[in-house]
Amino acid sequence: MIGLCLAGALLASWGLTAWMRCYALKRQLLDVPNARSSHAVPTPRGGGMAIVLVFLALLPVLMLEGFLPLSVMWALCGGGAWIALLGFLDDHGHVAARWRLLGHFVAAGWVLVWLGGLPPLALAGLSLDLGWLGHGLALFGLVWLLNLYNFMDGIDGIAAVEAICACSGGALLYLLLGQSALLWLPLSLGVAVAGFLYWNFPPARIFMGDAGSGFLGLMLGALALQAAWLDSELLWAWLILLGVFVVDATWTVVHRLIRGERVYEAHRSHAYQFASRRFRRHLPVTLAVAVINLLWLLPLAVAVALGYVPGLAGLVLAYVPLGWLAWRFRAGAAE
């Protein structure tokens, strides 16, 4: 039953993205290239709504099949729908940055309430319960993931490939831990993204838009928190899986803040953007992200989840080479 639903979801995502492309062209919802763009041709945007609609439709199915607790379904449905609506409005016009940020905190707070906040973390062999401080850190962490995913959605296919790699990796972790019932949730998100990727793979025929990128960032953060309640080592493992985006975006924002720049303004100073200009194509960079995920980050995430490597040590080991790559490709440097 669930296999057929996922197959149908893949086709639905593919078809809805095609429809969204026609809709965007008709309404002239185009990303027109400018001095800060990484593309050269006006391209429709907003295709990420297909991901949103398909994934949210799958959640009640997973709940009824017994693969998803009711509380998790409400966390993802409420937070995801709110962020998608906010992004949809921004894609069609403009929502002031302060109101977008307020909406991001509302969505993150909703997710945290339904998931129970941040669970106790395993650190140096101890169980560390941070209480309200931990819940606050989780709130800001979700908002940061939501925004960094928007920042990193700047070249063809990269955001979709990152989501598929992270979701597939998360599903594999559950399978290896004998929690096969839990793998269907990340697989569902990955399938919803895969249908969209057909139209977004370099050269992209439609962009994800704020509705899709913000939604993916929040959903991936929520999946990481849900996993942490099963085993706190899984939180470290999910953060490892998301390492490419976390390191590039964080490195870039910190350097721009040091220079006194407004981080919410459009720019082209992420490492992946410098890399795409160096190689004069998006495809090599997007494929490199997939290779890093599969050959470096996934094995480390598996080692952490299975207890072979302590979580924090695994995270540092995963992020150090990513930091070197960010430095090597001048992340955050003045354009």
C-alpha atoms as a PDB file:
ATOM      1  CA  MET A   1       0.000   0.000   0.000  1.00  0.00           C
ATOM      2  CA  ILE A   2       2.625   2.538   1.064  1.00  0.00           C
ATOM      3  CA  GLY A   3       4.813   1.639  -1.909  1.00  0.00           C
ATOM      4  CA  LEU A   4       1.982   2.431  -4.314  1.00  0.00           C
ATOM      5  CA  CYS A   5       1.348   5.719  -2.507  1.00  0.00           C
ATOM      6  CA  LEU A   6       4.965   6.735  -2.927  1.00  0.00           C
ATOM      7  CA  ALA A   7       4.921   5.831  -6.620  1.00  0.00           C
ATOM      8  CA  GLY A   8       1.789   7.927  -7.029  1.00  0.00           C
ATOM      9  CA  ALA A   9       3.402  10.747  -5.064  1.00  0.00           C
ATOM     10  CA  LEU A  10       6.399  10.744  -7.409  1.00  0.00           C
ATOM     11  CA  LEU A  11       4.126  11.104 -10.426  1.00  0.00           C
ATOM     12  CA  ALA A  12       1.996  13.714  -8.677  1.00  0.00           C
ATOM     13  CA  SER A  13       5.036  15.794  -7.801  1.00  0.00           C
ATOM     14  CA  TRP A  14       6.283  15.580 -11.383  1.00  0.00           C
ATOM     15  CA  GLY A  15       2.887  16.583 -12.790  1.00  0.00           C
ATOM     16  CA  LEU A  16       2.242  19.364 -10.273  1.00  0.00           C
ATOM     17  CA  THR A  17       5.642  20.875 -10.963  1.00  0.00           C
ATOM     18  CA  ALA A  18       4.841  20.911 -14.690  1.00  0.00           C
ATOM     19  CA  TRP A  19       1.519  22.611 -13.908  1.00  0.00           C
ATOM     20  CA  MET A  20       3.259  25.138 -11.629  1.00  0.00           C
ATOM     21  CA  ARG A  21       5.648  25.942 -14.456  1.00  0.00           C
ATOM     22  CA  CYS A  22       2.743  26.748 -16.781  1.00  0.00           C
ATOM     23  CA  TYR A  23       1.084  28.783 -14.021  1.00  0.00           C
ATOM     24  CA  ALA A  24       4.276  30.763 -13.342  1.00  0.00           C
ATOM     25  CA  LEU A  25       4.782  31.502 -17.031  1.00  0.00           C
ATOM     26  CA  LYS A  26       1.180  32.661 -17.382  1.00  0.00           C
ATOM     27  CA  ARG A  27       1.423  34.904 -14.304  1.00  0.00           C
ATOM     28  CA  GLN A  28       4.942  36.095 -15.227  1.00  0.00           C
ATOM     29  CA  LEU A  29       6.365  34.781 -11.964  1.00  0.00           C
ATOM     30  CA  LEU A  30       9.927  34.797 -13.243  1.00  0.00           C
ATOM     31  CA  ASP A  31      13.352  35.139 -11.698  1.00  0.00           C
ATOM     32  CA  VAL A  32      14.916  37.712 -13.997  1.00  0.00           C
ATOM     33  CA  PRO A  33      18.734  37.626 -13.952  1.00  0.00           C
ATOM     34  CA  ASN A  34      20.540  40.535 -12.338  1.00  0.00           C
ATOM     35  CA  ALA A  35      24.046  41.284 -11.095  1.00  0.00           C
ATOM     36  CA  ARG A  36      23.528  39.022  -8.075  1.00  0.00           C
ATOM     37  CA  SER A  37      21.954  36.070  -9.892  1.00  0.00           C
ATOM     38  CA  SER A  38      23.604  32.743 -10.655  1.00  0.00           C
ATOM     39  CA  HIS A  39      21.473  32.159 -13.763  1.00  0.00           C
ATOM     40  CA  ALA A  40      21.427  33.891 -17.147  1.00  0.00           C
ATOM     41  CA  VAL A  41      17.900  33.195 -18.459  1.00  0.00           C
ATOM     42  CA  PRO A  42      14.550  34.353 -16.959  1.00  0.00           C
ATOM     43  CA  THR A  43      13.144  31.247 -15.270  1.00  0.00           C
ATOM     44  CA  PRO A  44       9.755  30.471 -13.683  1.00  0.00           C
ATOM     45  CA  ARG A  45       9.742  30.129  -9.904  1.00  0.00           C
ATOM     46  CA  GLY A  46       7.441  28.574  -7.321  1.00  0.00           C
ATOM     47  CA  GLY A  47       7.798  24.917  -8.334  1.00  0.00           C
ATOM     48  CA  GLY A  48       8.462  23.979  -4.721  1.00  0.00           C
ATOM     49  CA  MET A  49       4.726  24.163  -4.038  1.00  0.00           C
ATOM     50  CA  ALA A  50       4.485  20.756  -5.716  1.00  0.00           C
ATOM     51  CA  ILE A  51       6.777  19.356  -3.002  1.00  0.00           C
ATOM     52  CA  VAL A  52       4.648  20.984  -0.315  1.00  0.00           C
ATOM     53  CA  LEU A  53       1.312  19.701  -1.587  1.00  0.00           C
ATOM     54  CA  VAL A  54       2.491  16.147  -2.229  1.00  0.00           C
ATOM     55  CA  PHE A  55       4.306  15.732   1.085  1.00  0.00           C
ATOM     56  CA  LEU A  56       1.488  17.216   3.157  1.00  0.00           C
ATOM     57  CA  ALA A  57      -0.979  14.899   1.369  1.00  0.00           C
ATOM     58  CA  LEU A  58       1.189  11.897   2.283  1.00  0.00           C
ATOM     59  CA  LEU A  59       1.289  12.692   6.010  1.00  0.00           C
ATOM     60  CA  PRO A  60      -2.293  11.569   6.836  1.00  0.00           C
ATOM     61  CA  VAL A  61      -1.657   8.374   4.846  1.00  0.00           C
ATOM     62  CA  LEU A  62       1.452   7.631   6.906  1.00  0.00           C
ATOM     63  CA  MET A  63      -0.471   8.351  10.109  1.00  0.00           C
ATOM     64  CA  LEU A  64      -3.367   6.063   9.171  1.00  0.00           C
ATOM     65  CA  GLU A  65      -0.925   3.300   8.207  1.00  0.00           C
ATOM     66  CA  GLY A  66       0.667   3.532  11.648  1.00  0.00           C
ATOM     67  CA  PHE A  67       4.005   4.943  10.453  1.00  0.00           C
ATOM     68  CA  LEU A  68       3.567   8.407  11.943  1.00  0.00           C
ATOM     69  CA  PRO A  69       2.386   9.553  15.392  1.00  0.00           C
ATOM     70  CA  LEU A  70      -0.470  12.052  15.380  1.00  0.00           C
ATOM     71  CA  SER A  71       1.643  14.669  17.163  1.00  0.00           C
ATOM     72  CA  VAL A  72       4.350  14.514  14.481  1.00  0.00           C
ATOM     73  CA  MET A  73       1.749  14.801  11.745  1.00  0.00           C
ATOM     74  CA  TRP A  74       0.340  17.972  13.326  1.00  0.00           C
ATOM     75  CA  ALA A  75       3.842  19.370  13.800  1.00  0.00           C
ATOM     76  CA  LEU A  76       4.730  18.906  10.138  1.00  0.00           C
ATOM     77  CA  CYS A  77       1.337  19.827   8.685  1.00  0.00           C
ATOM     78  CA  GLY A  78       0.892  23.010  10.701  1.00  0.00           C
ATOM     79  CA  GLY A  79       4.436  24.312  10.516  1.00  0.00           C
ATOM     80  CA  GLY A  80       4.937  23.258   6.911  1.00  0.00           C
ATOM     81  CA  ALA A  81       1.678  24.714   5.620  1.00  0.00           C
ATOM     82  CA  TRP A  82       2.310  28.030   7.384  1.00  0.00           C
ATOM     83  CA  ILE A  83       5.831  28.391   5.980  1.00  0.00           C
ATOM     84  CA  ALA A  84       4.673  27.386   2.495  1.00  0.00           C
ATOM     85  CA  LEU A  85       1.902  30.003   2.621  1.00  0.00           C
ATOM     86  CA  LEU A  86       4.346  32.671   3.746  1.00  0.00           C
ATOM     87  CA  GLY A  87       6.769  31.730   0.980  1.00  0.00           C
ATOM     88  CA  PHE A  88       3.966  31.599  -1.600  1.00  0.00           C
ATOM     89  CA  LEU A  89       2.949  35.163  -0.709  1.00  0.00           C
ATOM     90  CA  ASP A  90       6.569  36.290  -0.927  1.00  0.00           C
ATOM     91  CA  ASP A  91       6.999  34.582  -4.312  1.00  0.00           C
ATOM     92  CA  HIS A  92       3.946  36.461  -5.616  1.00  0.00           C
ATOM     93  CA  GLY A  93       4.868  39.841  -4.200  1.00  0.00           C
ATOM     94  CA  HIS A  94       6.975  40.870  -1.260  1.00  0.00           C
ATOM     95  CA  VAL A  95       6.717  40.222   2.465  1.00  0.00           C
ATOM     96  CA  ALA A  96       8.925  42.466   4.602  1.00  0.00           C
ATOM     97  CA  ALA A  97      11.914  40.670   6.127  1.00  0.00           C
ATOM     98  CA  ARG A  98      10.810  41.355   9.721  1.00  0.00           C
ATOM     99  CA  TRP A  99       7.379  39.809   9.110  1.00  0.00           C
ATOM    100  CA  ARG A 100       8.904  36.810   7.356  1.00  0.00           C
ATOM    101  CA  LEU A 101      11.223  36.256  10.313  1.00  0.00           C
ATOM    102  CA  LEU A 102       8.340  36.526  12.770  1.00  0.00           C
ATOM    103  CA  GLY A 103       6.423  33.957  10.712  1.00  0.00           C
ATOM    104  CA  HIS A 104       9.472  31.678  10.763  1.00  0.00           C
ATOM    105  CA  PHE A 105       9.585  31.754  14.568  1.00  0.00           C
ATOM    106  CA  VAL A 106       5.854  31.023  14.749  1.00  0.00           C
ATOM    107  CA  ALA A 107       6.266  27.958  12.521  1.00  0.00           C
ATOM    108  CA  ALA A 108       9.330  26.743  14.414  1.00  0.00           C
ATOM    109  CA  GLY A 109       7.533  27.221  17.727  1.00  0.00           C
ATOM    110  CA  TRP A 110       4.562  25.213  16.471  1.00  0.00           C
ATOM    111  CA  VAL A 111       6.853  22.346  15.452  1.00  0.00           C
ATOM    112  CA  LEU A 112       8.657  22.380  18.795  1.00  0.00           C
ATOM    113  CA  VAL A 113       5.460  22.316  20.837  1.00  0.00           C
ATOM    114  CA  TRP A 114       4.105  19.274  19.004  1.00  0.00           C
ATOM    115  CA  LEU A 115       7.437  17.425  19.013  1.00  0.00           C
ATOM    116  CA  GLY A 116       8.096  18.107  22.691  1.00  0.00           C
ATOM    117  CA  GLY A 117      11.075  20.414  22.266  1.00  0.00           C
ATOM    118  CA  LEU A 118      14.690  19.318  22.408  1.00  0.00           C
ATOM    119  CA  PRO A 119      15.286  15.965  24.150  1.00  0.00           C
ATOM    120  CA  PRO A 120      18.256  15.294  26.471  1.00  0.00           C
ATOM    121  CA  LEU A 121      21.479  15.007  24.474  1.00  0.00           C
ATOM    122  CA  ALA A 122      24.246  12.440  24.791  1.00  0.00           C
ATOM    123  CA  LEU A 123      27.545  14.248  25.318  1.00  0.00           C
ATOM    124  CA  ALA A 124      30.803  12.666  26.527  1.00  0.00           C
ATOM    125  CA  GLY A 125      28.910   9.646  27.786  1.00  0.00           C
ATOM    126  CA  LEU A 126      26.455  11.758  29.777  1.00  0.00           C
ATOM    127  CA  SER A 127      22.802  12.600  29.218  1.00  0.00           C
ATOM    128  CA  LEU A 128      22.524  16.382  29.203  1.00  0.00           C
ATOM    129  CA  ASP A 129      19.072  17.917  29.669  1.00  0.00           C
ATOM    130  CA  LEU A 130      19.279  21.605  28.741  1.00  0.00           C
ATOM    131  CA  GLY A 131      15.662  22.330  29.674  1.00  0.00           C
ATOM    132  CA  TRP A 132      14.319  25.660  28.440  1.00  0.00           C
ATOM    133  CA  LEU A 133      17.761  26.645  27.166  1.00  0.00           C
ATOM    134  CA  GLY A 134      17.695  23.585  24.934  1.00  0.00           C
ATOM    135  CA  HIS A 135      14.226  24.417  23.667  1.00  0.00           C
ATOM    136  CA  GLY A 136      15.401  27.947  22.858  1.00  0.00           C
ATOM    137  CA  LEU A 137      18.434  26.630  20.999  1.00  0.00           C
ATOM    138  CA  ALA A 138      16.178  24.249  19.067  1.00  0.00           C
ATOM    139  CA  LEU A 139      13.863  27.134  18.163  1.00  0.00           C
ATOM    140  CA  PHE A 140      16.707  29.211  16.763  1.00  0.00           C
ATOM    141  CA  GLY A 141      18.165  26.116  15.102  1.00  0.00           C
ATOM    142  CA  LEU A 142      14.938  25.443  13.213  1.00  0.00           C
ATOM    143  CA  VAL A 143      14.683  29.066  12.096  1.00  0.00           C
ATOM    144  CA  TRP A 144      18.297  28.980  10.959  1.00  0.00           C
ATOM    145  CA  LEU A 145      17.793  25.748   8.987  1.00  0.00           C
ATOM    146  CA  LEU A 146      14.708  27.245   7.370  1.00  0.00           C
ATOM    147  CA  ASN A 147      16.605  30.341   6.284  1.00  0.00           C
ATOM    148  CA  LEU A 148      19.853  28.687   5.302  1.00  0.00           C
ATOM    149  CA  TYR A 149      17.957  26.389   2.972  1.00  0.00           C
ATOM    150  CA  ASN A 150      16.580  29.470   1.279  1.00  0.00           C
ATOM    151  CA  PHE A 151      20.086  30.956   1.057  1.00  0.00           C
ATOM    152  CA  MET A 152      21.512  27.767  -0.437  1.00  0.00           C
ATOM    153  CA  ASP A 153      18.824  27.413  -3.116  1.00  0.00           C
ATOM    154  CA  GLY A 154      20.790  29.463  -5.626  1.00  0.00           C
ATOM    155  CA  ILE A 155      21.839  27.165  -8.470  1.00  0.00           C
ATOM    156  CA  ASP A 156      20.026  24.495 -10.448  1.00  0.00           C
ATOM    157  CA  GLY A 157      19.232  21.307  -8.578  1.00  0.00           C
ATOM    158  CA  ILE A 158      21.357  21.883  -5.476  1.00  0.00           C
ATOM    159  CA  ALA A 159      18.575  22.235  -2.884  1.00  0.00           C
ATOM    160  CA  ALA A 160      16.638  19.256  -4.254  1.00  0.00           C
ATOM    161  CA  VAL A 161      19.737  17.041  -4.411  1.00  0.00           C
ATOM    162  CA  GLU A 162      20.671  17.967  -0.831  1.00  0.00           C
ATOM    163  CA  ALA A 163      17.167  17.118   0.411  1.00  0.00           C
ATOM    164  CA  ILE A 164      17.070  13.772  -1.413  1.00  0.00           C
ATOM    165  CA  CYS A 165      20.501  12.808  -0.076  1.00  0.00           C
ATOM    166  CA  ALA A 166      19.575  13.781   3.493  1.00  0.00           C
ATOM    167  CA  CYS A 167      16.210  11.995   3.374  1.00  0.00           C
ATOM    168  CA  SER A 168      17.690   8.849   1.834  1.00  0.00           C
ATOM    169  CA  GLY A 169      20.465   8.897   4.414  1.00  0.00           C
ATOM    170  CA  GLY A 170      17.981   9.333   7.250  1.00  0.00           C
ATOM    171  CA  ALA A 171      15.891   6.427   5.960  1.00  0.00           C
ATOM    172  CA  LEU A 172      19.021   4.253   5.801  1.00  0.00           C
ATOM    173  CA  LEU A 173      19.861   5.102   9.424  1.00  0.00           C
ATOM    174  CA  TYR A 174      16.415   3.942  10.556  1.00  0.00           C
ATOM    175  CA  LEU A 175      16.758   0.748   8.543  1.00  0.00           C
ATOM    176  CA  LEU A 176      20.153  -0.059  10.062  1.00  0.00           C
ATOM    177  CA  LEU A 177      18.809   0.611  13.557  1.00  0.00           C
ATOM    178  CA  GLY A 178      15.878  -1.755  13.031  1.00  0.00           C
ATOM    179  CA  GLN A 179      13.327   1.096  13.032  1.00  0.00           C
ATOM    180  CA  SER A 180      11.884   0.301   9.619  1.00  0.00           C
ATOM    181  CA  ALA A 181       8.499   1.893  10.411  1.00  0.00           C
ATOM    182  CA  LEU A 182      10.188   5.299  10.715  1.00  0.00           C
ATOM    183  CA  LEU A 183      11.937   5.280   7.350  1.00  0.00           C
ATOM    184  CA  TRP A 184       8.761   6.021   5.390  1.00  0.00           C
ATOM    185  CA  LEU A 185       8.581   9.631   6.575  1.00  0.00           C
ATOM    186  CA  PRO A 186      11.947  10.799   5.178  1.00  0.00           C
ATOM    187  CA  LEU A 187      11.397   8.621   2.111  1.00  0.00           C
ATOM    188  CA  SER A 188       8.084  10.397   1.492  1.00  0.00           C
ATOM    189  CA  LEU A 189       9.766  13.778   1.582  1.00  0.00           C
ATOM    190  CA  GLY A 190      12.549  12.526  -0.680  1.00  0.00           C
ATOM    191  CA  VAL A 191      10.044  11.187  -3.211  1.00  0.00           C
ATOM    192  CA  ALA A 192       8.124  14.480  -3.245  1.00  0.00           C
ATOM    193  CA  VAL A 193      11.388  16.294  -3.982  1.00  0.00           C
ATOM    194  CA  ALA A 194      12.453  13.776  -6.645  1.00  0.00           C
ATOM    195  CA  GLY A 195       9.428  14.551  -8.835  1.00  0.00           C
ATOM    196  CA  PHE A 196      10.306  18.238  -8.693  1.00  0.00           C
ATOM    197  CA  LEU A 197      14.000  17.585  -9.414  1.00  0.00           C
ATOM    198  CA  TYR A 198      13.142  16.341 -12.921  1.00  0.00           C
ATOM    199  CA  TRP A 199      12.229  19.941 -13.812  1.00  0.00           C
ATOM    200  CA  ASN A 200      14.899  21.591 -11.666  1.00  0.00           C
ATOM    201  CA  PHE A 201      17.927  19.516 -12.679  1.00  0.00           C
ATOM    202  CA  PRO A 202      20.529  21.579 -14.592  1.00  0.00           C
ATOM    203  CA  PRO A 203      19.557  23.350 -16.744  1.00  0.00           C
ATOM    204  CA  ALA A 204      16.508  24.141 -14.585  1.00  0.00           C
ATOM    205  CA  ARG A 205      13.142  24.771 -16.221  1.00  0.00           C
ATOM    206  CA  ILE A 206      11.627  26.033 -12.959  1.00  0.00           C
ATOM    207  CA  PHE A 207      13.007  27.168  -9.609  1.00  0.00           C
ATOM    208  CA  MET A 208      11.850  26.054  -6.183  1.00  0.00           C
ATOM    209  CA  GLY A 209      10.989  29.494  -4.829  1.00  0.00           C
ATOM    210  CA  ASP A 210      10.761  30.575  -1.191  1.00  0.00           C
ATOM    211  CA  ALA A 211       7.698  28.400  -0.566  1.00  0.00           C
ATOM    212  CA  GLY A 212       9.623  25.233  -1.345  1.00  0.00           C
ATOM    213  CA  SER A 213      13.050  26.062   0.088  1.00  0.00           C
ATOM    214  CA  GLY A 214      11.757  27.336   3.427  1.00  0.00           C
ATOM    215  CA  PHE A 215       9.422  24.354   3.686  1.00  0.00           C
ATOM    216  CA  LEU A 216      12.280  21.907   3.088  1.00  0.00           C
ATOM    217  CA  GLY A 217      14.513  23.572   5.659  1.00  0.00           C
ATOM    218  CA  LEU A 218      11.819  23.393   8.332  1.00  0.00           C
ATOM    219  CA  MET A 219      10.819  19.829   7.490  1.00  0.00           C
ATOM    220  CA  LEU A 220      14.398  18.551   7.571  1.00  0.00           C
ATOM    221  CA  GLY A 221      14.951  20.250  10.913  1.00  0.00           C
ATOM    222  CA  ALA A 222      11.756  18.690  12.257  1.00  0.00           C
ATOM    223  CA  LEU A 223      12.861  15.232  11.055  1.00  0.00           C
ATOM    224  CA  ALA A 224      16.164  15.707  12.887  1.00  0.00           C
ATOM    225  CA  LEU A 225      14.344  16.623  16.112  1.00  0.00           C
ATOM    226  CA  GLN A 226      11.958  13.696  15.771  1.00  0.00           C
ATOM    227  CA  ALA A 227      14.946  11.384  15.353  1.00  0.00           C
ATOM    228  CA  ALA A 228      16.582  12.843  18.455  1.00  0.00           C
ATOM    229  CA  TRP A 229      13.665  11.660  20.594  1.00  0.00           C
ATOM    230  CA  LEU A 230      14.359   8.115  19.417  1.00  0.00           C
ATOM    231  CA  ASP A 231      18.116   8.322  20.047  1.00  0.00           C
ATOM    232  CA  SER A 232      20.026  11.536  20.738  1.00  0.00           C
ATOM    233  CA  GLU A 233      22.914  10.276  18.589  1.00  0.00           C
ATOM    234  CA  LEU A 234      20.555  10.536  15.611  1.00  0.00           C
ATOM    235  CA  LEU A 235      20.419  14.313  16.020  1.00  0.00           C
ATOM    236  CA  TRP A 236      24.170  14.469  15.442  1.00  0.00           C
ATOM    237  CA  ALA A 237      23.777  12.076  12.508  1.00  0.00           C
ATOM    238  CA  TRP A 238      21.130  14.275  10.850  1.00  0.00           C
ATOM    239  CA  LEU A 239      23.274  17.372  11.372  1.00  0.00           C
ATOM    240  CA  ILE A 240      26.100  15.518   9.644  1.00  0.00           C
ATOM    241  CA  LEU A 241      23.814  14.663   6.716  1.00  0.00           C
ATOM    242  CA  LEU A 242      22.934  18.358   6.350  1.00  0.00           C
ATOM    243  CA  GLY A 243      26.555  19.446   6.690  1.00  0.00           C
ATOM    244  CA  VAL A 244      27.130  20.861   3.192  1.00  0.00           C
ATOM    245  CA  PHE A 245      24.372  23.432   3.580  1.00  0.00           C
ATOM    246  CA  VAL A 246      24.985  24.160   7.279  1.00  0.00           C
ATOM    247  CA  VAL A 247      28.702  24.862   6.856  1.00  0.00           C
ATOM    248  CA  ASP A 248      28.501  26.896   3.633  1.00  0.00           C
ATOM    249  CA  ALA A 249      25.596  29.054   4.824  1.00  0.00           C
ATOM    250  CA  THR A 250      26.933  29.586   8.348  1.00  0.00           C
ATOM    251  CA  TRP A 251      30.471  30.382   7.163  1.00  0.00           C
ATOM    252  CA  THR A 252      29.120  32.853   4.620  1.00  0.00           C
ATOM    253  CA  VAL A 253      26.740  34.624   6.987  1.00  0.00           C
ATOM    254  CA  VAL A 254      29.374  34.996   9.715  1.00  0.00           C
ATOM    255  CA  HIS A 255      31.832  36.594   7.294  1.00  0.00           C
ATOM    256  CA  ARG A 256      29.192  38.938   5.908  1.00  0.00           C
ATOM    257  CA  LEU A 257      28.186  39.970   9.438  1.00  0.00           C
ATOM    258  CA  ILE A 258      31.814  40.703  10.265  1.00  0.00           C
ATOM    259  CA  ARG A 259      31.928  43.051   7.256  1.00  0.00           C
ATOM    260  CA  GLY A 260      28.719  44.733   8.398  1.00  0.00           C
ATOM    261  CA  GLU A 261      26.623  43.573   5.438  1.00  0.00           C
ATOM    262  CA  ARG A 262      22.889  42.897   5.603  1.00  0.00           C
ATOM    263  CA  VAL A 263      22.616  39.125   5.557  1.00  0.00           C
ATOM    264  CA  TYR A 264      19.054  39.096   4.217  1.00  0.00           C
ATOM    265  CA  GLU A 265      19.999  40.963   1.028  1.00  0.00           C
ATOM    266  CA  ALA A 266      20.621  38.950  -2.137  1.00  0.00           C
ATOM    267  CA  HIS A 267      24.254  38.136  -2.883  1.00  0.00           C
ATOM    268  CA  ARG A 268      26.494  35.631  -4.644  1.00  0.00           C
ATOM    269  CA  SER A 269      29.131  34.966  -1.989  1.00  0.00           C
ATOM    270  CA  HIS A 270      28.352  31.389  -0.931  1.00  0.00           C
ATOM    271  CA  ALA A 271      31.036  28.822  -1.688  1.00  0.00           C
ATOM    272  CA  TYR A 272      28.737  26.966  -4.092  1.00  0.00           C
ATOM    273  CA  GLN A 273      28.095  30.200  -6.001  1.00  0.00           C
ATOM    274  CA  PHE A 274      31.801  30.970  -6.352  1.00  0.00           C
ATOM    275  CA  ALA A 275      32.318  27.351  -7.464  1.00  0.00           C
ATOM    276  CA  SER A 276      29.574  27.551 -10.109  1.00  0.00           C
ATOM    277  CA  ARG A 277      31.176  30.687 -11.557  1.00  0.00           C
ATOM    278  CA  ARG A 278      34.600  29.074 -11.547  1.00  0.00           C
ATOM    279  CA  PHE A 279      33.348  26.016 -13.430  1.00  0.00           C
ATOM    280  CA  ARG A 280      30.945  28.159 -15.531  1.00  0.00           C
ATOM    281  CA  ARG A 281      28.207  25.567 -15.004  1.00  0.00           C
ATOM    282  CA  HIS A 282      25.834  24.515 -12.248  1.00  0.00           C
ATOM    283  CA  LEU A 283      25.923  20.781 -12.947  1.00  0.00           C
ATOM    284  CA  PRO A 284      29.458  20.008 -11.636  1.00  0.00           C
ATOM    285  CA  VAL A 285      28.725  21.782  -8.353  1.00  0.00           C
ATOM    286  CA  THR A 286      25.361  20.078  -7.840  1.00  0.00           C
ATOM    287  CA  LEU A 287      26.887  16.668  -8.582  1.00  0.00           C
ATOM    288  CA  ALA A 288      29.791  17.432  -6.232  1.00  0.00           C
ATOM    289  CA  VAL A 289      27.299  18.073  -3.432  1.00  0.00           C
ATOM    290  CA  ALA A 290      25.750  14.654  -4.092  1.00  0.00           C
ATOM    291  CA  VAL A 291      29.171  12.972  -4.057  1.00  0.00           C
ATOM    292  CA  ILE A 292      30.173  14.650  -0.775  1.00  0.00           C
ATOM    293  CA  ASN A 293      26.893  13.566   0.788  1.00  0.00           C
ATOM    294  CA  LEU A 294      27.132   9.964  -0.354  1.00  0.00           C
ATOM    295  CA  LEU A 295      30.850   9.265   0.037  1.00  0.00           C
ATOM    296  CA  TRP A 296      31.765  11.406   3.049  1.00  0.00           C
ATOM    297  CA  LEU A 297      28.818  12.533   5.149  1.00  0.00           C
ATOM    298  CA  LEU A 298      26.619   9.431   4.908  1.00  0.00           C
ATOM    299  CA  PRO A 299      29.308   6.969   6.126  1.00  0.00           C
ATOM    300  CA  LEU A 300      30.080   9.270   9.075  1.00  0.00           C
ATOM    301  CA  ALA A 301      26.378   9.617   9.920  1.00  0.00           C
ATOM    302  CA  VAL A 302      26.042   5.819   9.866  1.00  0.00           C
ATOM    303  CA  ALA A 303      29.101   5.439  12.127  1.00  0.00           C
ATOM    304  CA  VAL A 304      27.584   7.894  14.628  1.00  0.00           C
ATOM    305  CA  ALA A 305      24.107   6.322  14.527  1.00  0.00           C
ATOM    306  CA  LEU A 306      25.530   2.831  15.126  1.00  0.00           C
ATOM    307  CA  GLY A 307      27.679   4.031  18.009  1.00  0.00           C
ATOM    308  CA  TYR A 308      31.093   3.575  16.419  1.00  0.00           C
ATOM    309  CA  VAL A 309      31.895   7.305  16.686  1.00  0.00           C
ATOM    310  CA  PRO A 310      30.653   9.724  19.393  1.00  0.00           C
ATOM    311  CA  GLY A 311      28.124  12.166  17.981  1.00  0.00           C
ATOM    312  CA  LEU A 312      29.938  15.450  18.611  1.00  0.00           C
ATOM    313  CA  ALA A 313      33.273  13.998  17.473  1.00  0.00           C
ATOM    314  CA  GLY A 314      31.620  12.736  14.283  1.00  0.00           C
ATOM    315  CA  LEU A 315      30.095  16.158  13.657  1.00  0.00           C
ATOM    316  CA  VAL A 316      33.472  17.901  14.017  1.00  0.00           C
ATOM    317  CA  LEU A 317      35.150  15.288  11.813  1.00  0.00           C
ATOM    318  CA  ALA A 318      32.473  15.798   9.146  1.00  0.00           C
ATOM    319  CA  TYR A 319      32.521  19.593   9.244  1.00  0.00           C
ATOM    320  CA  VAL A 320      36.282  20.284   9.233  1.00  0.00           C
ATOM    321  CA  PRO A 321      36.805  19.304   5.551  1.00  0.00           C
ATOM    322  CA  LEU A 322      33.609  21.150   4.653  1.00  0.00           C
ATOM    323  CA  GLY A 323      35.013  24.226   6.361  1.00  0.00           C
ATOM    324  CA  TRP A 324      38.181  23.862   4.324  1.00  0.00           C
ATOM    325  CA  LEU A 325      36.113  23.705   1.135  1.00  0.00           C
ATOM    326  CA  ALA A 326      34.190  26.797   2.217  1.00  0.00           C
ATOM    327  CA  TRP A 327      37.497  28.612   2.729  1.00  0.00           C
ATOM    328  CA  ARG A 328      38.938  27.218  -0.513  1.00  0.00           C
ATOM    329  CA  PHE A 329      36.001  28.528  -2.532  1.00  0.00           C
ATOM    330  CA  ARG A 330      36.003  31.898  -0.700  1.00  0.00           C
ATOM    331  CA  ALA A 331      32.628  31.563   1.058  1.00  0.00           C
ATOM    332  CA  GLY A 332      31.584  34.928   2.411  1.00  0.00           C
ATOM    333  CA  ALA A 333      34.256  36.872   0.522  1.00  0.00           C
ATOM    334  CA  ALA A 334      33.352  40.245  -0.961  1.00  0.00           C
ATOM    335  CA  GLU A 335      32.147  39.846  -4.539  1.00  0.00           C
END
